[in-house]
C-alpha atoms as a PDB file:
ATOM      1  CA  UNK A   1       1.810  10.135 -33.605  1.00  0.00           C
ATOM      2  CA  UNK A   2       3.534   8.529 -30.653  1.00  0.00           C
ATOM      3  CA  UNK A   3       3.040   4.743 -30.790  1.00  0.00           C
ATOM      4  CA  UNK A   4       4.246   2.556 -27.999  1.00  0.00           C
ATOM      5  CA  UNK A   5       4.299  -1.192 -27.876  1.00  0.00           C
ATOM      6  CA  UNK A   6       2.610  -2.820 -24.933  1.00  0.00           C
ATOM      7  CA  UNK A   7       4.315  -5.723 -23.209  1.00  0.00           C
ATOM      8  CA  UNK A   8       1.804  -8.592 -23.143  1.00  0.00           C
ATOM      9  CA  UNK A   9       3.890 -11.269 -21.437  1.00  0.00           C
ATOM     10  CA  UNK A  10       2.111 -13.410 -18.901  1.00  0.00           C
ATOM     11  CA  UNK A  11       3.310 -13.678 -15.302  1.00  0.00           C
ATOM     12  CA  UNK A  12       2.866 -16.392 -12.720  1.00  0.00           C
ATOM     13  CA  UNK A  13       0.824 -15.250  -9.745  1.00  0.00           C
ATOM     14  CA  UNK A  14       0.941 -16.750  -6.277  1.00  0.00           C
ATOM     15  CA  UNK A  15      -1.907 -16.279  -3.819  1.00  0.00           C
ATOM     16  CA  UNK A  16      -0.559 -15.476  -0.355  1.00  0.00           C
ATOM     17  CA  UNK A  17      -3.058 -17.769   1.386  1.00  0.00           C
ATOM     18  CA  UNK A  18      -1.912 -20.693  -0.787  1.00  0.00           C
ATOM     19  CA  UNK A  19       1.643 -20.306   0.544  1.00  0.00           C
ATOM     20  CA  UNK A  20       0.465 -21.350   4.040  1.00  0.00           C
ATOM     21  CA  UNK A  21       3.130 -19.244   5.743  1.00  0.00           C
ATOM     22  CA  UNK A  22       3.576 -19.529   9.518  1.00  0.00           C
ATOM     23  CA  UNK A  23       4.626 -15.905   9.869  1.00  0.00           C
ATOM     24  CA  UNK A  24       4.105 -12.727   7.841  1.00  0.00           C
ATOM     25  CA  UNK A  25       5.391  -9.440   9.254  1.00  0.00           C
ATOM     26  CA  UNK A  26       4.670  -7.039   6.367  1.00  0.00           C
ATOM     27  CA  UNK A  27       2.703  -6.929   3.143  1.00  0.00           C
ATOM     28  CA  UNK A  28       3.463  -4.051   0.764  1.00  0.00           C
ATOM     29  CA  UNK A  29       1.926  -3.196  -2.591  1.00  0.00           C
ATOM     30  CA  UNK A  30       3.339  -0.771  -5.147  1.00  0.00           C
ATOM     31  CA  UNK A  31       0.430  -0.649  -7.570  1.00  0.00           C
ATOM     32  CA  UNK A  32      -2.933   0.734  -6.424  1.00  0.00           C
ATOM     33  CA  UNK A  33      -4.683  -1.687  -8.762  1.00  0.00           C
ATOM     34  CA  UNK A  34      -3.274  -4.657  -6.841  1.00  0.00           C
ATOM     35  CA  UNK A  35      -4.213  -3.734  -3.257  1.00  0.00           C
ATOM     36  CA  UNK A  36      -7.771  -5.102  -3.292  1.00  0.00           C
ATOM     37  CA  UNK A  37      -6.734  -8.289  -5.104  1.00  0.00           C
ATOM     38  CA  UNK A  38      -3.883  -8.862  -2.681  1.00  0.00           C
ATOM     39  CA  UNK A  39      -6.203  -8.446   0.297  1.00  0.00           C
ATOM     40  CA  UNK A  40      -8.589 -10.934  -1.308  1.00  0.00           C
ATOM     41  CA  UNK A  41      -5.801 -13.476  -1.770  1.00  0.00           C
ATOM     42  CA  UNK A  42      -4.295 -12.920   1.672  1.00  0.00           C
ATOM     43  CA  UNK A  43      -7.417 -12.646   3.836  1.00  0.00           C
ATOM     44  CA  UNK A  44      -6.831 -15.827   5.863  1.00  0.00           C
ATOM     45  CA  UNK A  45      -3.120 -15.064   6.294  1.00  0.00           C
ATOM     46  CA  UNK A  46      -3.948 -11.536   7.469  1.00  0.00           C
ATOM     47  CA  UNK A  47      -6.469 -12.858  10.012  1.00  0.00           C
ATOM     48  CA  UNK A  48      -3.987 -15.450  11.258  1.00  0.00           C
ATOM     49  CA  UNK A  49      -0.673 -13.531  11.201  1.00  0.00           C
ATOM     50  CA  UNK A  50      -1.759  -9.882  11.682  1.00  0.00           C
ATOM     51  CA  UNK A  51       0.972  -8.394   9.455  1.00  0.00           C
ATOM     52  CA  UNK A  52       1.552  -4.671   9.069  1.00  0.00           C
ATOM     53  CA  UNK A  53       0.385  -3.422   5.675  1.00  0.00           C
ATOM     54  CA  UNK A  54       1.510  -0.641   3.362  1.00  0.00           C
ATOM     55  CA  UNK A  55      -0.900  -0.534   0.434  1.00  0.00           C
ATOM     56  CA  UNK A  56      -0.656   1.844  -2.520  1.00  0.00           C
ATOM     57  CA  UNK A  57      -4.114   3.313  -3.164  1.00  0.00           C
ATOM     58  CA  UNK A  58      -5.967   5.552  -5.554  1.00  0.00           C
ATOM     59  CA  UNK A  59      -8.979   7.764  -4.874  1.00  0.00           C
ATOM     60  CA  UNK A  60     -11.488   5.026  -5.683  1.00  0.00           C
ATOM     61  CA  UNK A  61     -10.159   2.343  -3.324  1.00  0.00           C
ATOM     62  CA  UNK A  62      -8.955   4.264  -0.283  1.00  0.00           C
ATOM     63  CA  UNK A  63     -12.233   4.266   1.673  1.00  0.00           C
ATOM     64  CA  UNK A  64     -13.112   0.699   0.679  1.00  0.00           C
ATOM     65  CA  UNK A  65      -9.699  -0.584   1.800  1.00  0.00           C
ATOM     66  CA  UNK A  66      -9.878   1.450   4.991  1.00  0.00           C
ATOM     67  CA  UNK A  67     -13.281  -0.036   5.887  1.00  0.00           C
ATOM     68  CA  UNK A  68     -12.074  -3.590   5.186  1.00  0.00           C
ATOM     69  CA  UNK A  69      -9.015  -3.077   7.352  1.00  0.00           C
ATOM     70  CA  UNK A  70     -11.043  -1.517  10.166  1.00  0.00           C
ATOM     71  CA  UNK A  71     -13.279  -4.611  10.160  1.00  0.00           C
ATOM     72  CA  UNK A  72     -10.129  -6.717  10.626  1.00  0.00           C
ATOM     73  CA  UNK A  73      -9.149  -4.666  13.695  1.00  0.00           C
ATOM     74  CA  UNK A  74      -6.464  -2.543  12.020  1.00  0.00           C
ATOM     75  CA  UNK A  75      -5.568   1.071  12.753  1.00  0.00           C
ATOM     76  CA  UNK A  76      -5.063   2.966   9.490  1.00  0.00           C
ATOM     77  CA  UNK A  77      -3.112   6.025   8.392  1.00  0.00           C
ATOM     78  CA  UNK A  78      -3.255   7.958   5.139  1.00  0.00           C
ATOM     79  CA  UNK A  79       0.246   8.437   3.724  1.00  0.00           C
ATOM     80  CA  UNK A  80       0.901  11.007   1.030  1.00  0.00           C
ATOM     81  CA  UNK A  81       4.401  11.424  -0.427  1.00  0.00           C
ATOM     82  CA  UNK A  82       5.349  13.968  -3.097  1.00  0.00           C
ATOM     83  CA  UNK A  83       6.658  12.364  -6.265  1.00  0.00           C
ATOM     84  CA  UNK A  84       9.345  15.043  -6.520  1.00  0.00           C
ATOM     85  CA  UNK A  85      11.798  15.857  -3.761  1.00  0.00           C
ATOM     86  CA  UNK A  86      14.557  18.412  -4.060  1.00  0.00           C
ATOM     87  CA  UNK A  87      16.844  15.941  -2.279  1.00  0.00           C
ATOM     88  CA  UNK A  88      16.396  13.368  -5.067  1.00  0.00           C
ATOM     89  CA  UNK A  89      19.153  10.933  -5.992  1.00  0.00           C
ATOM     90  CA  UNK A  90      20.129  12.730  -9.198  1.00  0.00           C
ATOM     91  CA  UNK A  91      20.040  16.202  -7.549  1.00  0.00           C
ATOM     92  CA  UNK A  92      17.702  17.446 -10.258  1.00  0.00           C
ATOM     93  CA  UNK A  93      16.215  20.823  -9.444  1.00  0.00           C
ATOM     94  CA  UNK A  94      13.462  21.003 -12.056  1.00  0.00           C
ATOM     95  CA  UNK A  95      10.172  19.598 -10.775  1.00  0.00           C
ATOM     96  CA  UNK A  96       8.472  18.082 -13.821  1.00  0.00           C
ATOM     97  CA  UNK A  97       5.913  16.274 -11.629  1.00  0.00           C
ATOM     98  CA  UNK A  98       4.188  19.320 -10.178  1.00  0.00           C
ATOM     99  CA  UNK A  99       2.186  18.641  -7.023  1.00  0.00           C
ATOM    100  CA  UNK A 100       1.553  14.948  -7.797  1.00  0.00           C
ATOM    101  CA  UNK A 101       1.797  12.561  -4.853  1.00  0.00           C
ATOM    102  CA  UNK A 102       1.994   8.836  -4.231  1.00  0.00           C
ATOM    103  CA  UNK A 103      -0.767   7.749  -1.846  1.00  0.00           C
ATOM    104  CA  UNK A 104      -0.898   4.746   0.429  1.00  0.00           C
ATOM    105  CA  UNK A 105      -2.632   3.351   3.485  1.00  0.00           C
ATOM    106  CA  UNK A 106      -0.438   2.210   6.357  1.00  0.00           C
ATOM    107  CA  UNK A 107      -2.279  -0.334   8.503  1.00  0.00           C
ATOM    108  CA  UNK A 108      -1.141  -1.760  11.820  1.00  0.00           C
ATOM    109  CA  UNK A 109      -2.926  -4.457  13.821  1.00  0.00           C
ATOM    110  CA  UNK A 110      -4.863  -2.888  16.689  1.00  0.00           C
ATOM    111  CA  UNK A 111      -2.725  -4.720  19.249  1.00  0.00           C
ATOM    112  CA  UNK A 112       0.564  -3.439  17.767  1.00  0.00           C
ATOM    113  CA  UNK A 113       2.363  -0.449  19.222  1.00  0.00           C
ATOM    114  CA  UNK A 114       4.068   2.022  16.922  1.00  0.00           C
ATOM    115  CA  UNK A 115       7.834   1.878  17.322  1.00  0.00           C
ATOM    116  CA  UNK A 116       8.514   4.613  14.778  1.00  0.00           C
ATOM    117  CA  UNK A 117       7.437   8.178  14.060  1.00  0.00           C
ATOM    118  CA  UNK A 118       4.610   8.474  11.582  1.00  0.00           C
ATOM    119  CA  UNK A 119       5.239  12.112  10.630  1.00  0.00           C
ATOM    120  CA  UNK A 120       3.087  13.287   7.751  1.00  0.00           C
ATOM    121  CA  UNK A 121       0.571  10.480   8.269  1.00  0.00           C
ATOM    122  CA  UNK A 122      -3.047  11.190   9.158  1.00  0.00           C
ATOM    123  CA  UNK A 123      -4.904   8.515  11.113  1.00  0.00           C
ATOM    124  CA  UNK A 124      -8.070   7.382   9.375  1.00  0.00           C
ATOM    125  CA  UNK A 125     -11.093   7.089  11.628  1.00  0.00           C
ATOM    126  CA  UNK A 126     -13.872   6.645   9.083  1.00  0.00           C
END
């Protein structure tokens, strides 16, 4: 049997709202499990600073996060990126990841204008 040890170290956590920052341009999450918690801990900062957001999501949280962001006046896009690319850093040609993708929601304040191409993104209207 394959047994793996689990790292159980504790980590310090800072709540974004507790930092009382004057300016926040971007908030990005890498772990879909963290997106809702981060929004909870940054709600006042998001209302005050209107940062752009790139939030990793899973199937269960995408619509909930989208609705929350819409209520805050954000435009939202669904971003889907393949986990394997043939132009990868190591030039590996064998795709061991199949059709798996990393999913995220890109959110921009309603008053912001896009200054970049959002190819491959689908705007969320629900």
